[in-house]
PDB file of N, CA and C in Angstrom:
ATOM      1  N   MET A   1       7.184   3.794  36.903  1.00  0.00           N
ATOM      2  CA  MET A   1       6.014   3.362  36.850  1.00  0.00           C
ATOM      3  C   MET A   1       5.807   3.093  34.921  1.00  0.00           C
ATOM      4  N   ILE A   2       6.369   3.960  34.540  1.00  0.00           N
ATOM      5  CA  ILE A   2       6.132   4.223  32.771  1.00  0.00           C
ATOM      6  C   ILE A   2       6.863   3.309  32.562  1.00  0.00           C
ATOM      7  N   PHE A   3       8.043   2.975  32.952  1.00  0.00           N
ATOM      8  CA  PHE A   3       9.123   1.877  32.317  1.00  0.00           C
ATOM      9  C   PHE A   3       8.656   0.383  32.542  1.00  0.00           C
ATOM     10  N   GLU A   4       7.847   0.469  33.681  1.00  0.00           N
ATOM     11  CA  GLU A   4       7.478  -1.097  33.690  1.00  0.00           C
ATOM     12  C   GLU A   4       6.211  -1.404  32.891  1.00  0.00           C
ATOM     13  N   ALA A   5       5.355  -0.408  32.649  1.00  0.00           N
ATOM     14  CA  ALA A   5       4.542  -0.586  31.471  1.00  0.00           C
ATOM     15  C   ALA A   5       4.991  -0.788  30.224  1.00  0.00           C
ATOM     16  N   ILE A   6       5.772  -0.144  29.856  1.00  0.00           N
ATOM     17  CA  ILE A   6       6.647  -0.431  28.439  1.00  0.00           C
ATOM     18  C   ILE A   6       6.838  -1.929  28.462  1.00  0.00           C
ATOM     19  N   VAL A   7       7.762  -2.360  29.451  1.00  0.00           N
ATOM     20  CA  VAL A   7       8.390  -3.357  29.376  1.00  0.00           C
ATOM     21  C   VAL A   7       7.225  -4.495  29.607  1.00  0.00           C
ATOM     22  N   PHE A   8       6.252  -4.271  30.250  1.00  0.00           N
ATOM     23  CA  PHE A   8       5.080  -5.321  30.282  1.00  0.00           C
ATOM     24  C   PHE A   8       4.209  -5.308  28.768  1.00  0.00           C
ATOM     25  N   GLY A   9       4.079  -4.023  28.257  1.00  0.00           N
ATOM     26  CA  GLY A   9       3.609  -4.113  26.955  1.00  0.00           C
ATOM     27  C   GLY A   9       4.117  -4.941  25.727  1.00  0.00           C
ATOM     28  N   VAL A  10       5.747  -4.806  26.138  1.00  0.00           N
ATOM     29  CA  VAL A  10       6.553  -5.595  24.970  1.00  0.00           C
ATOM     30  C   VAL A  10       6.287  -7.128  25.416  1.00  0.00           C
ATOM     31  N   ILE A  11       6.379  -7.454  26.384  1.00  0.00           N
ATOM     32  CA  ILE A  11       5.992  -9.125  26.913  1.00  0.00           C
ATOM     33  C   ILE A  11       4.710  -9.332  26.363  1.00  0.00           C
ATOM     34  N   LEU A  12       4.050  -8.748  26.603  1.00  0.00           N
ATOM     35  CA  LEU A  12       2.501  -9.052  26.485  1.00  0.00           C
ATOM     36  C   LEU A  12       2.281  -8.901  24.787  1.00  0.00           C
ATOM     37  N   LEU A  13       2.721  -7.941  24.105  1.00  0.00           N
ATOM     38  CA  LEU A  13       2.978  -8.406  22.608  1.00  0.00           C
ATOM     39  C   LEU A  13       3.657  -9.704  21.975  1.00  0.00           C
ATOM     40  N   ALA A  14       4.679  -9.992  22.651  1.00  0.00           N
ATOM     41  CA  ALA A  14       5.718 -11.379  22.317  1.00  0.00           C
ATOM     42  C   ALA A  14       4.881 -12.364  22.778  1.00  0.00           C
ATOM     43  N   VAL A  15       3.839 -12.510  23.690  1.00  0.00           N
ATOM     44  CA  VAL A  15       3.211 -13.571  24.184  1.00  0.00           C
ATOM     45  C   VAL A  15       2.165 -13.704  23.135  1.00  0.00           C
ATOM     46  N   GLY A  16       1.713 -12.435  22.848  1.00  0.00           N
ATOM     47  CA  GLY A  16       0.409 -12.644  21.730  1.00  0.00           C
ATOM     48  C   GLY A  16       0.780 -13.080  20.494  1.00  0.00           C
ATOM     49  N   TYR A  17       2.046 -12.736  19.748  1.00  0.00           N
ATOM     50  CA  TYR A  17       2.498 -12.908  18.811  1.00  0.00           C
ATOM     51  C   TYR A  17       2.889 -14.559  18.763  1.00  0.00           C
ATOM     52  N   TRP A  18       3.340 -15.078  19.920  1.00  0.00           N
ATOM     53  CA  TRP A  18       3.677 -16.586  20.147  1.00  0.00           C
ATOM     54  C   TRP A  18       2.200 -17.299  20.147  1.00  0.00           C
ATOM     55  N   LEU A  19       1.258 -16.839  20.659  1.00  0.00           N
ATOM     56  CA  LEU A  19       0.072 -17.464  20.630  1.00  0.00           C
ATOM     57  C   LEU A  19      -0.697 -17.527  19.683  1.00  0.00           C
ATOM     58  N   THR A  20      -0.542 -16.419  18.543  1.00  0.00           N
ATOM     59  CA  THR A  20      -0.872 -16.601  17.572  1.00  0.00           C
ATOM     60  C   THR A  20      -0.332 -17.301  16.293  1.00  0.00           C
ATOM     61  N   MET A  21       1.102 -17.479  16.506  1.00  0.00           N
ATOM     62  CA  MET A  21       1.779 -18.273  15.505  1.00  0.00           C
ATOM     63  C   MET A  21       1.226 -19.714  16.130  1.00  0.00           C
ATOM     64  N   PHE A  22       1.121 -20.014  17.287  1.00  0.00           N
ATOM     65  CA  PHE A  22       0.813 -21.352  17.626  1.00  0.00           C
ATOM     66  C   PHE A  22      -0.542 -21.970  17.264  1.00  0.00           C
ATOM     67  N   VAL A  23      -1.463 -21.057  17.369  1.00  0.00           N
ATOM     68  CA  VAL A  23      -2.978 -21.177  17.150  1.00  0.00           C
ATOM     69  C   VAL A  23      -2.968 -21.510  15.578  1.00  0.00           C
ATOM     70  N   MET A  24      -2.213 -20.606  14.721  1.00  0.00           N
ATOM     71  CA  MET A  24      -2.242 -20.887  13.263  1.00  0.00           C
ATOM     72  C   MET A  24      -1.420 -21.978  12.812  1.00  0.00           C
ATOM     73  N   GLY A  25      -0.870 -22.844  13.763  1.00  0.00           N
ATOM     74  CA  GLY A  25      -0.320 -24.162  13.334  1.00  0.00           C
ATOM     75  C   GLY A  25       0.946 -23.985  12.840  1.00  0.00           C
ATOM     76  N   ARG A  26       2.101 -22.862  13.146  1.00  0.00           N
ATOM     77  CA  ARG A  26       3.208 -22.573  12.794  1.00  0.00           C
ATOM     78  C   ARG A  26       4.186 -23.070  14.075  1.00  0.00           C
ATOM     79  N   ARG A  27       3.846 -24.176  14.650  1.00  0.00           N
ATOM     80  CA  ARG A  27       4.433 -24.449  15.537  1.00  0.00           C
ATOM     81  C   ARG A  27       6.146 -24.664  15.673  1.00  0.00           C
ATOM     82  N   ASP A  28       6.712 -24.926  14.559  1.00  0.00           N
ATOM     83  CA  ASP A  28       7.999 -24.919  14.222  1.00  0.00           C
ATOM     84  C   ASP A  28       8.737 -23.741  14.806  1.00  0.00           C
ATOM     85  N   ASP A  29       7.922 -22.560  13.901  1.00  0.00           N
ATOM     86  CA  ASP A  29       8.281 -21.350  14.187  1.00  0.00           C
ATOM     87  C   ASP A  29       8.358 -20.741  15.660  1.00  0.00           C
ATOM     88  N   VAL A  30       7.436 -21.416  16.259  1.00  0.00           N
ATOM     89  CA  VAL A  30       6.995 -21.097  17.967  1.00  0.00           C
ATOM     90  C   VAL A  30       8.128 -21.543  18.968  1.00  0.00           C
ATOM     91  N   LEU A  31       8.143 -23.129  18.581  1.00  0.00           N
ATOM     92  CA  LEU A  31       8.857 -24.136  19.393  1.00  0.00           C
ATOM     93  C   LEU A  31      10.553 -23.916  19.222  1.00  0.00           C
ATOM     94  N   HIS A  32      10.823 -23.696  17.809  1.00  0.00           N
ATOM     95  CA  HIS A  32      12.256 -23.808  17.536  1.00  0.00           C
ATOM     96  C   HIS A  32      12.986 -22.502  17.230  1.00  0.00           C
ATOM     97  N   GLY A  33      12.196 -21.360  16.724  1.00  0.00           N
ATOM     98  CA  GLY A  33      12.615 -20.383  16.290  1.00  0.00           C
ATOM     99  C   GLY A  33      12.976 -20.237  15.020  1.00  0.00           C
ATOM    100  N   LYS A  34      12.941 -21.217  14.464  1.00  0.00           N
ATOM    101  CA  LYS A  34      13.068 -21.512  12.710  1.00  0.00           C
ATOM    102  C   LYS A  34      11.800 -21.182  11.997  1.00  0.00           C
ATOM    103  N   PHE A  35      12.169 -20.304  10.896  1.00  0.00           N
ATOM    104  CA  PHE A  35      11.095 -19.824   9.989  1.00  0.00           C
ATOM    105  C   PHE A  35      10.791 -21.218   9.085  1.00  0.00           C
ATOM    106  N   VAL A  36       9.462 -21.423   9.028  1.00  0.00           N
ATOM    107  CA  VAL A  36       9.316 -22.593   7.904  1.00  0.00           C
ATOM    108  C   VAL A  36       9.236 -21.797   6.446  1.00  0.00           C
ATOM    109  N   GLU A  37      10.116 -22.677   5.613  1.00  0.00           N
ATOM    110  CA  GLU A  37      10.193 -22.203   4.361  1.00  0.00           C
ATOM    111  C   GLU A  37       9.023 -22.524   3.135  1.00  0.00           C
ATOM    112  N   ASP A  38       8.468 -21.554   2.583  1.00  0.00           N
ATOM    113  CA  ASP A  38       7.416 -21.747   1.905  1.00  0.00           C
ATOM    114  C   ASP A  38       7.514 -22.638   0.458  1.00  0.00           C
ATOM    115  N   GLU A  39       6.601 -23.190   0.086  1.00  0.00           N
ATOM    116  CA  GLU A  39       7.100 -23.679  -1.058  1.00  0.00           C
ATOM    117  C   GLU A  39       7.294 -22.643  -2.241  1.00  0.00           C
ATOM    118  N   PRO A  40       8.237 -23.227  -3.054  1.00  0.00           N
ATOM    119  CA  PRO A  40       8.734 -22.162  -4.092  1.00  0.00           C
ATOM    120  C   PRO A  40       7.466 -22.172  -5.197  1.00  0.00           C
ATOM    121  N   ALA A  41       7.516 -20.791  -5.364  1.00  0.00           N
ATOM    122  CA  ALA A  41       6.332 -20.336  -6.225  1.00  0.00           C
ATOM    123  C   ALA A  41       6.658 -20.491  -7.797  1.00  0.00           C
ATOM    124  N   ALA A  42       5.789 -21.004  -8.584  1.00  0.00           N
ATOM    125  CA  ALA A  42       6.180 -21.185 -10.014  1.00  0.00           C
ATOM    126  C   ALA A  42       6.474 -19.640 -10.599  1.00  0.00           C
ATOM    127  N   GLU A  43       7.101 -19.995 -11.566  1.00  0.00           N
ATOM    128  CA  GLU A  43       7.869 -18.628 -12.477  1.00  0.00           C
ATOM    129  C   GLU A  43       6.702 -17.888 -12.785  1.00  0.00           C
ATOM    130  N   PRO A  44       6.403 -16.261 -12.301  1.00  0.00           N
ATOM    131  CA  PRO A  44       5.580 -15.376 -12.685  1.00  0.00           C
ATOM    132  C   PRO A  44       5.493 -15.416 -14.221  1.00  0.00           C
ATOM    133  N   ILE A  45       4.310 -15.285 -14.450  1.00  0.00           N
ATOM    134  CA  ILE A  45       3.970 -14.936 -15.763  1.00  0.00           C
ATOM    135  C   ILE A  45       4.320 -13.571 -16.032  1.00  0.00           C
ATOM    136  N   ARG A  46       5.167 -13.076 -17.043  1.00  0.00           N
ATOM    137  CA  ARG A  46       5.313 -11.995 -17.391  1.00  0.00           C
ATOM    138  C   ARG A  46       4.917 -11.575 -18.945  1.00  0.00           C
ATOM    139  N   PRO A  47       3.965 -10.577 -18.991  1.00  0.00           N
ATOM    140  CA  PRO A  47       3.503  -9.983 -19.963  1.00  0.00           C
ATOM    141  C   PRO A  47       4.450  -9.550 -21.184  1.00  0.00           C
ATOM    142  N   THR A  48       4.485 -10.057 -22.233  1.00  0.00           N
ATOM    143  CA  THR A  48       5.202  -9.161 -23.159  1.00  0.00           C
ATOM    144  C   THR A  48       4.676  -7.859 -23.812  1.00  0.00           C
ATOM    145  N   LEU A  49       5.409  -6.919 -23.628  1.00  0.00           N
ATOM    146  CA  LEU A  49       5.265  -5.529 -24.079  1.00  0.00           C
ATOM    147  C   LEU A  49       5.582  -5.433 -25.456  1.00  0.00           C
ATOM    148  N   ARG A  50       4.618  -4.896 -26.466  1.00  0.00           N
ATOM    149  CA  ARG A  50       4.748  -4.796 -27.682  1.00  0.00           C
ATOM    150  C   ARG A  50       4.965  -3.175 -27.987  1.00  0.00           C
ATOM    151  N   MET A  51       6.048  -2.811 -28.680  1.00  0.00           N
ATOM    152  CA  MET A  51       6.102  -1.184 -28.623  1.00  0.00           C
ATOM    153  C   MET A  51       5.186  -1.025 -29.957  1.00  0.00           C
ATOM    154  N   GLN A  52       4.254   0.031 -29.474  1.00  0.00           N
ATOM    155  CA  GLN A  52       3.421   0.485 -30.476  1.00  0.00           C
ATOM    156  C   GLN A  52       3.526   2.128 -30.448  1.00  0.00           C
ATOM    157  N   PRO A  53       3.535   2.325 -31.768  1.00  0.00           N
ATOM    158  CA  PRO A  53       3.719   3.677 -31.917  1.00  0.00           C
ATOM    159  C   PRO A  53       2.701   4.603 -30.946  1.00  0.00           C
ATOM    160  N   ALA A  54       3.129   5.750 -30.486  1.00  0.00           N
ATOM    161  CA  ALA A  54       1.915   6.359 -29.576  1.00  0.00           C
ATOM    162  C   ALA A  54       1.128   7.240 -30.367  1.00  0.00           C
ATOM    163  N   PRO A  55      -0.214   7.105 -30.220  1.00  0.00           N
ATOM    164  CA  PRO A  55      -0.932   8.364 -31.043  1.00  0.00           C
ATOM    165  C   PRO A  55      -0.442   9.712 -31.045  1.00  0.00           C
ATOM    166  N   ALA A  56      -0.804  10.400 -32.042  1.00  0.00           N
ATOM    167  CA  ALA A  56      -0.426  11.726 -32.108  1.00  0.00           C
ATOM    168  C   ALA A  56      -1.100  12.643 -31.010  1.00  0.00           C
ATOM    169  N   ALA A  57      -0.395  13.447 -30.673  1.00  0.00           N
ATOM    170  CA  ALA A  57      -0.830  14.278 -29.152  1.00  0.00           C
ATOM    171  C   ALA A  57      -1.863  15.254 -30.042  1.00  0.00           C
ATOM    172  N   GLN A  58      -2.963  15.475 -29.675  1.00  0.00           N
ATOM    173  CA  GLN A  58      -3.922  16.771 -30.321  1.00  0.00           C
ATOM    174  C   GLN A  58      -3.667  17.930 -29.506  1.00  0.00           C
ATOM    175  N   GLN A  59      -3.264  18.817 -30.529  1.00  0.00           N
ATOM    176  CA  GLN A  59      -3.566  19.995 -29.760  1.00  0.00           C
ATOM    177  C   GLN A  59      -4.571  20.558 -29.262  1.00  0.00           C
ATOM    178  N   PRO A  60      -4.766  21.017 -28.221  1.00  0.00           N
ATOM    179  CA  PRO A  60      -6.116  21.654 -27.198  1.00  0.00           C
ATOM    180  C   PRO A  60      -6.633  22.830 -27.919  1.00  0.00           C
ATOM    181  N   ASN A  61      -8.017  22.649 -28.071  1.00  0.00           N
ATOM    182  CA  ASN A  61      -8.747  23.814 -28.582  1.00  0.00           C
ATOM    183  C   ASN A  61      -8.437  24.956 -27.642  1.00  0.00           C
ATOM    184  N   LYS A  62      -8.257  26.009 -28.251  1.00  0.00           N
ATOM    185  CA  LYS A  62      -8.312  27.307 -27.402  1.00  0.00           C
ATOM    186  C   LYS A  62      -9.698  27.512 -26.575  1.00  0.00           C
ATOM    187  N   ASP A  63     -11.045  27.134 -27.081  1.00  0.00           N
ATOM    188  CA  ASP A  63     -12.063  27.392 -26.506  1.00  0.00           C
ATOM    189  C   ASP A  63     -12.049  26.383 -25.218  1.00  0.00           C
ATOM    190  N   SER A  64     -11.816  25.213 -25.462  1.00  0.00           N
ATOM    191  CA  SER A  64     -11.618  24.095 -24.423  1.00  0.00           C
ATOM    192  C   SER A  64     -10.696  24.735 -23.179  1.00  0.00           C
ATOM    193  N   LEU A  65      -9.599  24.980 -23.389  1.00  0.00           N
ATOM    194  CA  LEU A  65      -8.797  25.672 -22.640  1.00  0.00           C
ATOM    195  C   LEU A  65      -9.521  26.728 -21.727  1.00  0.00           C
ATOM    196  N   GLN A  66     -10.128  27.747 -22.523  1.00  0.00           N
ATOM    197  CA  GLN A  66     -10.621  28.720 -21.723  1.00  0.00           C
ATOM    198  C   GLN A  66     -11.798  28.079 -20.736  1.00  0.00           C
ATOM    199  N   ALA A  67     -12.506  27.313 -21.326  1.00  0.00           N
ATOM    200  CA  ALA A  67     -13.523  26.799 -20.367  1.00  0.00           C
ATOM    201  C   ALA A  67     -12.955  26.318 -19.479  1.00  0.00           C
ATOM    202  N   LEU A  68     -11.996  25.645 -19.486  1.00  0.00           N
ATOM    203  CA  LEU A  68     -11.122  24.660 -18.339  1.00  0.00           C
ATOM    204  C   LEU A  68     -10.565  25.630 -17.231  1.00  0.00           C
ATOM    205  N   LEU A  69     -10.177  26.831 -17.813  1.00  0.00           N
ATOM    206  CA  LEU A  69      -9.873  28.108 -17.032  1.00  0.00           C
ATOM    207  C   LEU A  69     -10.942  28.651 -16.192  1.00  0.00           C
ATOM    208  N   THR A  70     -11.667  28.824 -16.936  1.00  0.00           N
ATOM    209  CA  THR A  70     -13.027  29.417 -15.944  1.00  0.00           C
ATOM    210  C   THR A  70     -13.697  28.326 -15.072  1.00  0.00           C
ATOM    211  N   VAL A  71     -13.418  27.423 -15.337  1.00  0.00           N
ATOM    212  CA  VAL A  71     -14.156  26.251 -14.176  1.00  0.00           C
ATOM    213  C   VAL A  71     -13.141  26.053 -12.842  1.00  0.00           C
ATOM    214  N   ILE A  72     -11.842  26.164 -13.306  1.00  0.00           N
ATOM    215  CA  ILE A  72     -10.891  26.505 -12.105  1.00  0.00           C
ATOM    216  C   ILE A  72     -10.907  27.599 -11.546  1.00  0.00           C
ATOM    217  N   LYS A  73     -11.196  28.616 -11.955  1.00  0.00           N
ATOM    218  CA  LYS A  73     -11.314  30.000 -11.322  1.00  0.00           C
ATOM    219  C   LYS A  73     -12.450  29.973 -10.598  1.00  0.00           C
ATOM    220  N   GLN A  74     -13.731  29.399 -10.965  1.00  0.00           N
ATOM    221  CA  GLN A  74     -14.929  29.358 -10.269  1.00  0.00           C
ATOM    222  C   GLN A  74     -14.533  28.406  -8.997  1.00  0.00           C
ATOM    223  N   ASP A  75     -14.122  27.166  -9.354  1.00  0.00           N
ATOM    224  CA  ASP A  75     -13.764  26.197  -8.030  1.00  0.00           C
ATOM    225  C   ASP A  75     -12.843  26.983  -6.854  1.00  0.00           C
ATOM    226  N   LEU A  76     -12.075  27.594  -7.328  1.00  0.00           N
ATOM    227  CA  LEU A  76     -11.136  28.603  -6.323  1.00  0.00           C
ATOM    228  C   LEU A  76     -11.851  29.666  -5.643  1.00  0.00           C
ATOM    229  N   HIS A  77     -12.568  30.486  -6.526  1.00  0.00           N
ATOM    230  CA  HIS A  77     -13.722  31.253  -5.794  1.00  0.00           C
ATOM    231  C   HIS A  77     -14.640  30.597  -4.805  1.00  0.00           C
ATOM    232  N   ASP A  78     -15.380  29.695  -4.920  1.00  0.00           N
ATOM    233  CA  ASP A  78     -16.155  28.912  -4.295  1.00  0.00           C
ATOM    234  C   ASP A  78     -15.205  28.397  -2.916  1.00  0.00           C
ATOM    235  N   ALA A  79     -14.031  27.792  -3.120  1.00  0.00           N
ATOM    236  CA  ALA A  79     -13.334  27.373  -1.968  1.00  0.00           C
ATOM    237  C   ALA A  79     -12.861  28.391  -1.272  1.00  0.00           C
ATOM    238  N   ALA A  80     -12.492  29.467  -1.669  1.00  0.00           N
ATOM    239  CA  ALA A  80     -12.557  30.829  -0.922  1.00  0.00           C
ATOM    240  C   ALA A  80     -13.476  31.204  -0.243  1.00  0.00           C
ATOM    241  N   ARG A  81     -14.376  30.931  -0.449  1.00  0.00           N
ATOM    242  CA  ARG A  81     -15.944  31.181   0.350  1.00  0.00           C
ATOM    243  C   ARG A  81     -15.675  30.506   1.254  1.00  0.00           C
ATOM    244  N   SER A  82     -15.600  29.369   1.367  1.00  0.00           N
ATOM    245  CA  SER A  82     -16.087  28.419   2.382  1.00  0.00           C
ATOM    246  C   SER A  82     -14.951  28.416   3.665  1.00  0.00           C
TER     247      SER A  82
END
Protein backbone atom coordinates (compact mmCIF):
# COMPACT_ATOMS: atom_id res chain seq x y z
CA MET A 1 0.00 0.00 0.00
CA ILE A 2 2.76 2.47 0.94
CA PHE A 3 4.92 1.48 -2.04
CA GLU A 4 2.05 2.06 -4.44
CA ALA A 5 1.40 5.46 -2.88
CA ILE A 6 5.06 6.43 -3.35
CA VAL A 7 5.07 5.29 -6.98
CA PHE A 8 1.82 7.15 -7.61
CA GLY A 9 3.29 10.28 -6.01
CA VAL A 10 6.40 10.16 -8.21
CA ILE A 11 4.27 9.70 -11.32
CA LEU A 12 2.04 12.57 -10.22
CA LEU A 13 5.09 14.83 -9.76
CA ALA A 14 6.40 13.89 -13.22
CA VAL A 15 3.05 14.66 -14.83
CA GLY A 16 2.87 17.95 -12.94
CA TYR A 17 6.35 18.90 -14.14
CA TRP A 18 5.48 17.95 -17.71
CA LEU A 19 2.27 19.96 -17.57
CA THR A 20 4.06 22.99 -16.09
CA MET A 21 6.71 22.96 -18.82
CA PHE A 22 4.04 22.55 -21.50
CA VAL A 23 1.97 25.46 -20.18
CA MET A 24 5.06 27.68 -19.88
CA GLY A 25 5.78 27.15 -23.57
CA ARG A 26 8.89 25.01 -23.21
CA ARG A 27 7.49 22.36 -25.49
CA ASP A 28 10.93 21.36 -26.79
CA ASP A 29 11.84 20.29 -23.27
CA VAL A 30 8.61 18.37 -22.91
CA LEU A 31 8.37 16.70 -26.29
CA HIS A 32 11.98 15.88 -27.07
CA GLY A 33 13.67 15.90 -23.70
CA LYS A 34 16.14 18.51 -24.93
CA PHE A 35 16.85 21.54 -22.82
CA VAL A 36 16.54 24.80 -24.66
CA GLU A 37 19.70 26.84 -24.35
CA ASP A 38 19.28 30.36 -23.12
CA GLU A 39 20.75 33.24 -25.05
CA PRO A 40 24.31 33.95 -23.99
CA ALA A 41 24.39 36.65 -21.37
CA ALA A 42 26.50 39.74 -21.76
CA GLU A 43 29.81 39.88 -19.93
CA PRO A 44 29.04 40.77 -16.32
CA ILE A 45 30.32 44.11 -15.16
CA ARG A 46 33.00 43.58 -12.59
CA PRO A 47 33.70 46.51 -10.32
CA THR A 48 37.30 47.40 -9.90
CA LEU A 49 38.51 47.39 -6.36
CA ARG A 50 40.86 50.10 -5.34
CA MET A 51 43.07 49.30 -2.44
CA GLN A 52 42.55 51.96 0.16
CA PRO A 53 44.39 51.99 3.41
CA ALA A 54 42.24 50.78 6.26
CA PRO A 55 41.48 53.36 8.90
CA ALA A 56 43.48 52.99 12.05
CA ALA A 57 41.63 50.87 14.58
CA GLN A 58 40.59 52.86 17.58
CA GLN A 59 41.23 51.42 20.98
CA PRO A 60 37.93 50.95 22.80
CA ASN A 61 37.39 53.08 25.82
CA LYS A 62 37.50 51.17 29.12
CA ASP A 63 34.23 52.80 30.21
CA SER A 64 32.46 51.73 27.03
CA LEU A 65 33.61 48.15 27.51
CA GLN A 66 32.41 48.18 31.10
CA ALA A 67 29.02 49.53 30.01
CA LEU A 68 28.77 46.82 27.33
CA LEU A 69 29.63 44.13 29.86
CA THR A 70 26.96 45.45 32.21
CA VAL A 71 24.33 45.36 29.45
CA ILE A 72 25.29 41.80 28.50
CA LYS A 73 25.09 40.67 32.12
CA GLN A 74 21.66 42.26 32.46
CA ASP A 75 20.42 40.56 29.27
CA LEU A 76 21.69 37.18 30.46
CA HIS A 77 20.06 37.70 33.82
CA ASP A 78 16.74 38.61 32.17
CA ALA A 79 16.98 35.58 29.86
CA ALA A 80 17.66 33.28 32.82
CA ARG A 81 14.47 34.48 34.51
CA SER A 82 12.29 33.63 31.49
